[in-house]
Amino acid sequence: MLYNHTMKKIYVLALLFLAFQNVATAQQETIIEEIEIREVEDVEEMTEIPFSVLDIAPLFPGCENDSSEDKKDCFQQKIFDHISANFIYPEEAKKNNIQGRVFSRFIIDGTGKITNITVRGPHELLENEAKRITALIPNMLEPGQHGGEIVRTLYSIPLTFKL
């Protein structure tokens, strides 16, 4: 009988331990989910600042060794180099003598990722090429900063298609 009583106590303690462990795990998962949700909300709520007024430009790959003043110039040069290296005039646009300027706009988010690409131009063929080139821009090594805080950076590129 003493054996049965001892076994019951061990069984009850084991059940309490498992119940406590499940509650602790559930609370920990809830805390982690809340932190992840807050981080996502913070990124979405970041202020969008135009590139021209940033205190610190996003760090384009290849600009790591430049001084902080030169990082904006380096960024813009890397964007120009990227466009030059990837530009392909659409054949259909050539055949139909389609020309014009396309404005490509995007955001560099708080993680340095290129997002929210929009294009506006005189013809869909030109817009599609501008969007393709913009989508190929590599993610930044660091996001832009303004007023000591990480911000979403708004950047616009005019692309001129001329035959």
N, C-alpha and C. Protein backbone atom coordinates (compact mmCIF):
# COMPACT_ATOMS: atom_id res chain seq x y z
N MET A 1 0.82 -1.18 0.00
CA MET A 1 0.00 0.00 0.00
C MET A 1 0.88 1.26 0.00
N LEU A 2 1.96 1.23 0.73
CA LEU A 2 2.89 2.35 0.75
C LEU A 2 3.46 2.57 -0.65
N TYR A 3 3.68 1.47 -1.34
CA TYR A 3 4.18 1.54 -2.71
C TYR A 3 3.19 2.27 -3.62
N ASN A 4 1.91 1.94 -3.53
CA ASN A 4 0.88 2.58 -4.35
C ASN A 4 0.78 4.07 -4.03
N HIS A 5 0.85 4.43 -2.76
CA HIS A 5 0.77 5.82 -2.33
C HIS A 5 1.97 6.61 -2.87
N THR A 6 3.15 6.03 -2.81
CA THR A 6 4.36 6.68 -3.31
C THR A 6 4.29 6.84 -4.83
N MET A 7 3.80 5.82 -5.51
CA MET A 7 3.67 5.87 -6.96
C MET A 7 2.67 6.96 -7.37
N LYS A 8 1.57 7.08 -6.61
CA LYS A 8 0.58 8.11 -6.92
C LYS A 8 1.20 9.50 -6.79
N LYS A 9 2.01 9.71 -5.73
CA LYS A 9 2.67 11.01 -5.53
C LYS A 9 3.63 11.31 -6.68
N ILE A 10 4.39 10.30 -7.08
CA ILE A 10 5.33 10.49 -8.19
C ILE A 10 4.56 10.81 -9.46
N TYR A 11 3.46 10.10 -9.70
CA TYR A 11 2.64 10.31 -10.88
C TYR A 11 2.05 11.73 -10.88
N VAL A 12 1.53 12.18 -9.76
CA VAL A 12 0.96 13.53 -9.64
C VAL A 12 2.04 14.58 -9.84
N LEU A 13 3.21 14.38 -9.25
CA LEU A 13 4.31 15.33 -9.42
C LEU A 13 4.75 15.40 -10.88
N ALA A 14 4.80 14.23 -11.54
CA ALA A 14 5.19 14.21 -12.94
C ALA A 14 4.17 14.96 -13.79
N LEU A 15 2.88 14.75 -13.53
CA LEU A 15 1.84 15.47 -14.26
C LEU A 15 1.92 16.98 -14.02
N LEU A 16 2.15 17.37 -12.77
CA LEU A 16 2.29 18.80 -12.46
C LEU A 16 3.49 19.40 -13.18
N PHE A 17 4.58 18.65 -13.19
CA PHE A 17 5.79 19.12 -13.86
C PHE A 17 5.51 19.32 -15.35
N LEU A 18 4.88 18.32 -16.00
CA LEU A 18 4.57 18.42 -17.42
C LEU A 18 3.60 19.57 -17.70
N ALA A 19 2.61 19.74 -16.84
CA ALA A 19 1.65 20.84 -17.02
C ALA A 19 2.36 22.18 -16.90
N PHE A 20 3.23 22.30 -15.89
CA PHE A 20 3.98 23.53 -15.69
C PHE A 20 4.89 23.81 -16.89
N GLN A 21 5.54 22.76 -17.39
CA GLN A 21 6.43 22.90 -18.53
C GLN A 21 5.67 23.36 -19.77
N ASN A 22 4.47 22.80 -19.99
CA ASN A 22 3.65 23.21 -21.14
C ASN A 22 3.22 24.67 -21.02
N VAL A 23 2.84 25.10 -19.82
CA VAL A 23 2.44 26.50 -19.61
C VAL A 23 3.63 27.42 -19.85
N ALA A 24 4.80 27.06 -19.32
CA ALA A 24 5.99 27.88 -19.50
C ALA A 24 6.37 27.98 -20.97
N THR A 25 6.29 26.87 -21.68
CA THR A 25 6.61 26.88 -23.11
C THR A 25 5.62 27.74 -23.88
N ALA A 26 4.34 27.62 -23.56
CA ALA A 26 3.32 28.42 -24.24
C ALA A 26 3.54 29.91 -23.98
N GLN A 27 3.90 30.27 -22.74
CA GLN A 27 4.15 31.67 -22.43
C GLN A 27 5.38 32.17 -23.20
N GLN A 28 6.40 31.32 -23.27
CA GLN A 28 7.61 31.70 -23.97
C GLN A 28 7.32 31.91 -25.46
N GLU A 29 6.52 31.03 -26.07
CA GLU A 29 6.16 31.18 -27.46
C GLU A 29 5.36 32.46 -27.68
N THR A 30 4.46 32.78 -26.75
CA THR A 30 3.67 34.00 -26.87
C THR A 30 4.58 35.22 -26.81
N ILE A 31 5.54 35.21 -25.91
CA ILE A 31 6.47 36.34 -25.80
C ILE A 31 7.26 36.48 -27.09
N ILE A 32 7.75 35.37 -27.64
CA ILE A 32 8.51 35.43 -28.88
C ILE A 32 7.64 35.96 -30.00
N GLU A 33 6.39 35.50 -30.10
CA GLU A 33 5.49 35.99 -31.14
C GLU A 33 5.25 37.48 -30.99
N GLU A 34 5.08 37.96 -29.75
CA GLU A 34 4.85 39.38 -29.52
C GLU A 34 6.05 40.20 -29.95
N ILE A 35 7.26 39.71 -29.66
CA ILE A 35 8.48 40.42 -30.05
C ILE A 35 8.57 40.46 -31.56
N GLU A 36 8.33 39.31 -32.24
CA GLU A 36 8.39 39.29 -33.70
C GLU A 36 7.36 40.23 -34.31
N ILE A 37 6.16 40.26 -33.77
CA ILE A 37 5.11 41.15 -34.29
C ILE A 37 5.52 42.60 -34.10
N ARG A 38 6.06 42.94 -32.94
CA ARG A 38 6.50 44.31 -32.69
C ARG A 38 7.59 44.72 -33.67
N GLU A 39 8.55 43.81 -33.93
CA GLU A 39 9.63 44.13 -34.84
C GLU A 39 9.09 44.42 -36.23
N VAL A 40 8.17 43.62 -36.71
CA VAL A 40 7.58 43.83 -38.02
C VAL A 40 6.81 45.14 -38.04
N GLU A 41 6.04 45.41 -37.00
CA GLU A 41 5.29 46.67 -36.94
C GLU A 41 6.23 47.85 -36.93
N ASP A 42 7.36 47.75 -36.19
CA ASP A 42 8.31 48.85 -36.14
C ASP A 42 8.88 49.15 -37.52
N VAL A 43 9.20 48.10 -38.29
CA VAL A 43 9.75 48.30 -39.62
C VAL A 43 8.71 48.98 -40.51
N GLU A 44 7.45 48.57 -40.40
CA GLU A 44 6.41 49.16 -41.22
C GLU A 44 6.11 50.60 -40.82
N GLU A 45 6.32 50.95 -39.56
CA GLU A 45 6.01 52.28 -39.07
C GLU A 45 7.18 53.25 -39.21
N MET A 46 8.31 52.78 -39.72
CA MET A 46 9.46 53.66 -39.87
C MET A 46 9.13 54.80 -40.82
N THR A 47 9.75 55.90 -40.56
CA THR A 47 9.57 57.08 -41.39
C THR A 47 10.29 56.88 -42.73
N GLU A 48 9.67 57.35 -43.80
CA GLU A 48 10.30 57.34 -45.12
C GLU A 48 10.98 58.69 -45.32
N ILE A 49 12.26 58.65 -45.60
CA ILE A 49 13.04 59.87 -45.80
C ILE A 49 13.64 59.84 -47.20
N PRO A 50 13.50 60.93 -47.96
CA PRO A 50 14.13 60.98 -49.28
C PRO A 50 15.65 60.88 -49.16
N PHE A 51 16.27 60.23 -50.11
CA PHE A 51 17.71 60.02 -50.11
C PHE A 51 18.47 61.33 -49.94
N SER A 52 18.02 62.38 -50.58
CA SER A 52 18.74 63.66 -50.60
C SER A 52 18.90 64.31 -49.22
N VAL A 53 18.03 63.96 -48.26
CA VAL A 53 18.12 64.60 -46.94
C VAL A 53 18.64 63.67 -45.84
N LEU A 54 19.02 62.46 -46.19
CA LEU A 54 19.54 61.51 -45.19
C LEU A 54 20.81 62.02 -44.53
N ASP A 55 20.98 61.66 -43.28
CA ASP A 55 22.26 61.94 -42.60
C ASP A 55 23.30 60.91 -43.03
N ILE A 56 22.89 59.65 -43.09
CA ILE A 56 23.79 58.57 -43.49
C ILE A 56 23.08 57.75 -44.57
N ALA A 57 23.71 57.64 -45.73
CA ALA A 57 23.13 56.90 -46.86
C ALA A 57 23.15 55.40 -46.58
N PRO A 58 22.22 54.66 -47.21
CA PRO A 58 22.30 53.20 -47.14
C PRO A 58 23.66 52.76 -47.68
N LEU A 59 24.18 51.68 -47.13
CA LEU A 59 25.51 51.22 -47.53
C LEU A 59 25.41 50.24 -48.69
N PHE A 60 25.71 50.74 -49.88
CA PHE A 60 25.69 49.92 -51.09
C PHE A 60 26.91 48.99 -51.06
N PRO A 61 26.74 47.72 -51.43
CA PRO A 61 27.90 46.82 -51.46
C PRO A 61 29.01 47.41 -52.32
N GLY A 62 30.20 47.46 -51.77
CA GLY A 62 31.34 48.05 -52.46
C GLY A 62 31.71 49.42 -51.93
N CYS A 63 30.86 50.01 -51.08
CA CYS A 63 31.12 51.34 -50.53
C CYS A 63 31.58 51.28 -49.07
N GLU A 64 31.91 50.10 -48.60
CA GLU A 64 32.25 49.92 -47.17
C GLU A 64 33.42 50.77 -46.71
N ASN A 65 34.42 51.00 -47.57
CA ASN A 65 35.63 51.70 -47.15
C ASN A 65 35.60 53.20 -47.35
N ASP A 66 34.49 53.72 -47.87
CA ASP A 66 34.38 55.16 -48.07
C ASP A 66 34.05 55.86 -46.75
N SER A 67 34.42 57.13 -46.66
CA SER A 67 34.07 57.90 -45.47
C SER A 67 32.57 58.17 -45.50
N SER A 68 32.01 58.56 -44.37
CA SER A 68 30.55 58.76 -44.31
C SER A 68 30.09 59.83 -45.30
N GLU A 69 30.90 60.87 -45.54
CA GLU A 69 30.51 61.91 -46.50
C GLU A 69 30.50 61.36 -47.93
N ASP A 70 31.40 60.43 -48.21
CA ASP A 70 31.51 59.88 -49.56
C ASP A 70 30.53 58.75 -49.83
N LYS A 71 29.86 58.24 -48.80
CA LYS A 71 28.96 57.11 -48.99
C LYS A 71 27.76 57.46 -49.88
N LYS A 72 27.27 58.69 -49.79
CA LYS A 72 26.17 59.12 -50.67
C LYS A 72 26.64 59.14 -52.12
N ASP A 73 27.82 59.70 -52.35
CA ASP A 73 28.36 59.74 -53.71
C ASP A 73 28.62 58.33 -54.23
N CYS A 74 29.17 57.49 -53.38
CA CYS A 74 29.45 56.11 -53.77
C CYS A 74 28.15 55.39 -54.10
N PHE A 75 27.12 55.59 -53.27
CA PHE A 75 25.81 54.97 -53.51
C PHE A 75 25.30 55.35 -54.90
N GLN A 76 25.32 56.66 -55.18
CA GLN A 76 24.79 57.13 -56.46
C GLN A 76 25.63 56.61 -57.63
N GLN A 77 26.93 56.53 -57.46
CA GLN A 77 27.79 56.00 -58.52
C GLN A 77 27.50 54.52 -58.75
N LYS A 78 27.29 53.77 -57.67
CA LYS A 78 26.98 52.33 -57.79
C LYS A 78 25.63 52.12 -58.47
N ILE A 79 24.66 52.98 -58.19
CA ILE A 79 23.37 52.89 -58.87
C ILE A 79 23.56 53.14 -60.37
N PHE A 80 24.32 54.18 -60.72
CA PHE A 80 24.60 54.49 -62.13
C PHE A 80 25.31 53.31 -62.80
N ASP A 81 26.32 52.75 -62.13
CA ASP A 81 27.05 51.61 -62.67
C ASP A 81 26.13 50.41 -62.87
N HIS A 82 25.24 50.20 -61.92
CA HIS A 82 24.29 49.08 -61.99
C HIS A 82 23.38 49.24 -63.21
N ILE A 83 22.85 50.44 -63.40
CA ILE A 83 21.95 50.69 -64.53
C ILE A 83 22.70 50.50 -65.85
N SER A 84 23.90 51.05 -65.92
CA SER A 84 24.70 50.92 -67.15
C SER A 84 25.00 49.46 -67.47
N ALA A 85 25.31 48.68 -66.46
CA ALA A 85 25.67 47.28 -66.67
C ALA A 85 24.48 46.39 -67.02
N ASN A 86 23.28 46.78 -66.60
CA ASN A 86 22.11 45.92 -66.76
C ASN A 86 21.08 46.40 -67.78
N PHE A 87 21.29 47.59 -68.34
CA PHE A 87 20.31 48.19 -69.25
C PHE A 87 20.25 47.43 -70.57
N ILE A 88 19.06 47.05 -70.97
CA ILE A 88 18.82 46.44 -72.28
C ILE A 88 17.61 47.14 -72.89
N TYR A 89 17.83 47.79 -74.02
CA TYR A 89 16.72 48.46 -74.69
C TYR A 89 15.81 47.39 -75.26
N PRO A 90 14.53 47.37 -74.90
CA PRO A 90 13.63 46.33 -75.39
C PRO A 90 13.54 46.33 -76.92
N GLU A 91 13.71 45.16 -77.53
CA GLU A 91 13.68 45.03 -79.00
C GLU A 91 12.38 45.56 -79.59
N GLU A 92 11.28 45.21 -78.96
CA GLU A 92 9.97 45.66 -79.46
C GLU A 92 9.87 47.19 -79.45
N ALA A 93 10.45 47.80 -78.41
CA ALA A 93 10.44 49.27 -78.32
C ALA A 93 11.31 49.86 -79.43
N LYS A 94 12.44 49.21 -79.74
CA LYS A 94 13.30 49.68 -80.84
C LYS A 94 12.53 49.62 -82.16
N LYS A 95 11.89 48.48 -82.40
CA LYS A 95 11.16 48.29 -83.66
C LYS A 95 10.08 49.34 -83.86
N ASN A 96 9.43 49.73 -82.77
CA ASN A 96 8.31 50.68 -82.84
C ASN A 96 8.73 52.11 -82.50
N ASN A 97 10.04 52.35 -82.43
CA ASN A 97 10.57 53.68 -82.16
C ASN A 97 9.98 54.30 -80.88
N ILE A 98 9.88 53.47 -79.85
CA ILE A 98 9.33 53.94 -78.56
C ILE A 98 10.48 54.47 -77.72
N GLN A 99 10.35 55.72 -77.30
CA GLN A 99 11.38 56.39 -76.51
C GLN A 99 10.71 57.11 -75.34
N GLY A 100 11.52 57.59 -74.45
CA GLY A 100 10.98 58.41 -73.36
C GLY A 100 11.71 58.18 -72.05
N ARG A 101 11.25 58.91 -71.07
CA ARG A 101 11.85 58.83 -69.74
C ARG A 101 10.90 58.07 -68.81
N VAL A 102 11.48 57.11 -68.07
CA VAL A 102 10.72 56.34 -67.09
C VAL A 102 11.28 56.67 -65.71
N PHE A 103 10.38 56.96 -64.79
CA PHE A 103 10.79 57.24 -63.41
C PHE A 103 10.56 55.98 -62.58
N SER A 104 11.64 55.48 -62.02
CA SER A 104 11.58 54.30 -61.17
C SER A 104 11.78 54.77 -59.73
N ARG A 105 10.92 54.31 -58.86
CA ARG A 105 10.95 54.72 -57.46
C ARG A 105 10.92 53.48 -56.60
N PHE A 106 11.71 53.47 -55.52
CA PHE A 106 11.71 52.33 -54.61
C PHE A 106 12.06 52.78 -53.21
N ILE A 107 11.88 51.87 -52.28
CA ILE A 107 12.22 52.13 -50.88
C ILE A 107 13.27 51.13 -50.45
N ILE A 108 14.25 51.61 -49.72
CA ILE A 108 15.21 50.74 -49.05
C ILE A 108 14.71 50.67 -47.61
N ASP A 109 14.25 49.48 -47.22
CA ASP A 109 13.60 49.37 -45.91
C ASP A 109 14.63 49.35 -44.77
N GLY A 110 14.15 49.17 -43.57
CA GLY A 110 15.00 49.21 -42.37
C GLY A 110 16.00 48.09 -42.26
N THR A 111 15.91 47.10 -43.17
CA THR A 111 16.89 46.02 -43.18
C THR A 111 17.85 46.15 -44.36
N GLY A 112 17.62 47.14 -45.22
CA GLY A 112 18.47 47.35 -46.39
C GLY A 112 17.91 46.72 -47.66
N LYS A 113 16.73 46.12 -47.56
CA LYS A 113 16.12 45.44 -48.71
C LYS A 113 15.41 46.45 -49.62
N ILE A 114 15.51 46.21 -50.93
CA ILE A 114 14.83 47.04 -51.93
C ILE A 114 13.37 46.58 -52.00
N THR A 115 12.43 47.51 -51.77
CA THR A 115 11.01 47.16 -51.75
C THR A 115 10.19 48.22 -52.47
N ASN A 116 8.91 47.95 -52.63
CA ASN A 116 7.93 48.92 -53.16
C ASN A 116 8.38 49.59 -54.45
N ILE A 117 8.82 48.81 -55.41
CA ILE A 117 9.26 49.37 -56.70
C ILE A 117 8.03 49.81 -57.50
N THR A 118 8.07 51.05 -57.94
CA THR A 118 7.02 51.56 -58.82
C THR A 118 7.70 52.26 -60.00
N VAL A 119 7.08 52.18 -61.16
CA VAL A 119 7.62 52.84 -62.35
C VAL A 119 6.50 53.61 -63.05
N ARG A 120 6.91 54.68 -63.71
CA ARG A 120 5.95 55.49 -64.46
C ARG A 120 6.66 56.01 -65.71
N GLY A 121 6.09 55.71 -66.86
CA GLY A 121 6.72 56.14 -68.10
C GLY A 121 5.74 56.16 -69.24
N PRO A 122 6.24 56.46 -70.44
CA PRO A 122 5.37 56.64 -71.60
C PRO A 122 4.85 55.34 -72.22
N HIS A 123 5.48 54.20 -71.89
CA HIS A 123 5.05 52.95 -72.51
C HIS A 123 5.38 51.77 -71.60
N GLU A 124 4.52 50.77 -71.64
CA GLU A 124 4.68 49.59 -70.79
C GLU A 124 5.99 48.85 -71.04
N LEU A 125 6.44 48.80 -72.28
CA LEU A 125 7.71 48.12 -72.59
C LEU A 125 8.88 48.79 -71.86
N LEU A 126 8.88 50.09 -71.86
CA LEU A 126 9.95 50.83 -71.17
C LEU A 126 9.81 50.68 -69.66
N GLU A 127 8.58 50.73 -69.17
CA GLU A 127 8.35 50.56 -67.73
C GLU A 127 8.82 49.19 -67.26
N ASN A 128 8.53 48.16 -68.04
CA ASN A 128 8.94 46.81 -67.65
C ASN A 128 10.46 46.68 -67.55
N GLU A 129 11.17 47.30 -68.49
CA GLU A 129 12.64 47.26 -68.44
C GLU A 129 13.15 48.03 -67.23
N ALA A 130 12.57 49.17 -66.95
CA ALA A 130 12.99 49.97 -65.79
C ALA A 130 12.75 49.17 -64.50
N LYS A 131 11.62 48.50 -64.42
CA LYS A 131 11.31 47.70 -63.22
C LYS A 131 12.29 46.53 -63.09
N ARG A 132 12.63 45.91 -64.21
CA ARG A 132 13.57 44.78 -64.19
C ARG A 132 14.93 45.23 -63.66
N ILE A 133 15.42 46.34 -64.18
CA ILE A 133 16.73 46.86 -63.75
C ILE A 133 16.70 47.21 -62.26
N THR A 134 15.64 47.87 -61.84
CA THR A 134 15.52 48.27 -60.44
C THR A 134 15.46 47.06 -59.52
N ALA A 135 14.74 46.03 -59.93
CA ALA A 135 14.62 44.82 -59.10
C ALA A 135 15.96 44.10 -58.94
N LEU A 136 16.89 44.34 -59.85
CA LEU A 136 18.21 43.71 -59.77
C LEU A 136 19.18 44.43 -58.83
N ILE A 137 18.80 45.61 -58.34
CA ILE A 137 19.68 46.34 -57.42
C ILE A 137 19.87 45.47 -56.17
N PRO A 138 21.13 45.28 -55.76
CA PRO A 138 21.36 44.42 -54.59
C PRO A 138 20.85 45.08 -53.31
N ASN A 139 20.54 44.25 -52.33
CA ASN A 139 20.16 44.78 -51.02
C ASN A 139 21.36 45.50 -50.42
N MET A 140 21.07 46.51 -49.63
CA MET A 140 22.13 47.29 -49.00
C MET A 140 22.70 46.54 -47.80
N LEU A 141 23.95 46.82 -47.49
CA LEU A 141 24.57 46.19 -46.33
C LEU A 141 24.05 46.81 -45.03
N GLU A 142 23.65 48.08 -45.10
CA GLU A 142 23.07 48.78 -43.96
C GLU A 142 21.99 49.74 -44.48
N PRO A 143 20.92 49.93 -43.72
CA PRO A 143 19.89 50.89 -44.16
C PRO A 143 20.34 52.33 -43.94
N GLY A 144 19.56 53.27 -44.45
CA GLY A 144 19.85 54.68 -44.25
C GLY A 144 19.52 55.11 -42.83
N GLN A 145 20.11 56.23 -42.41
CA GLN A 145 19.85 56.77 -41.08
C GLN A 145 19.60 58.27 -41.18
N HIS A 146 18.73 58.72 -40.30
CA HIS A 146 18.44 60.15 -40.22
C HIS A 146 18.09 60.48 -38.78
N GLY A 147 18.71 61.51 -38.25
CA GLY A 147 18.46 61.90 -36.86
C GLY A 147 18.86 60.81 -35.88
N GLY A 148 19.86 60.02 -36.23
CA GLY A 148 20.33 58.96 -35.34
C GLY A 148 19.47 57.70 -35.35
N GLU A 149 18.47 57.65 -36.22
CA GLU A 149 17.59 56.48 -36.28
C GLU A 149 17.61 55.85 -37.67
N ILE A 150 17.40 54.54 -37.71
CA ILE A 150 17.28 53.84 -38.98
C ILE A 150 15.95 54.25 -39.60
N VAL A 151 15.99 54.56 -40.89
CA VAL A 151 14.78 55.00 -41.61
C VAL A 151 14.64 54.23 -42.92
N ARG A 152 13.44 54.26 -43.45
CA ARG A 152 13.19 53.75 -44.80
C ARG A 152 13.58 54.86 -45.76
N THR A 153 14.38 54.51 -46.76
CA THR A 153 14.89 55.51 -47.69
C THR A 153 14.14 55.46 -49.01
N LEU A 154 13.62 56.61 -49.40
CA LEU A 154 12.91 56.75 -50.66
C LEU A 154 13.92 57.21 -51.72
N TYR A 155 13.98 56.47 -52.83
CA TYR A 155 14.94 56.81 -53.89
C TYR A 155 14.25 56.74 -55.25
N SER A 156 14.54 57.71 -56.11
CA SER A 156 13.96 57.76 -57.46
C SER A 156 15.08 57.82 -58.48
N ILE A 157 14.86 57.12 -59.58
CA ILE A 157 15.83 57.10 -60.68
C ILE A 157 15.10 57.42 -61.98
N PRO A 158 15.52 58.46 -62.69
CA PRO A 158 14.97 58.67 -64.03
C PRO A 158 15.81 57.87 -65.05
N LEU A 159 15.15 57.07 -65.85
CA LEU A 159 15.83 56.28 -66.88
C LEU A 159 15.37 56.79 -68.24
N THR A 160 16.32 57.24 -69.05
CA THR A 160 15.97 57.78 -70.36
C THR A 160 16.23 56.73 -71.44
N PHE A 161 15.18 56.43 -72.16
CA PHE A 161 15.26 55.49 -73.28
C PHE A 161 15.27 56.34 -74.56
N LYS A 162 16.41 56.36 -75.26
CA LYS A 162 16.52 57.19 -76.45
C LYS A 162 17.24 56.40 -77.53
N LEU A 163 16.63 56.40 -78.71
CA LEU A 163 17.23 55.70 -79.85
C LEU A 163 18.16 56.61 -80.61
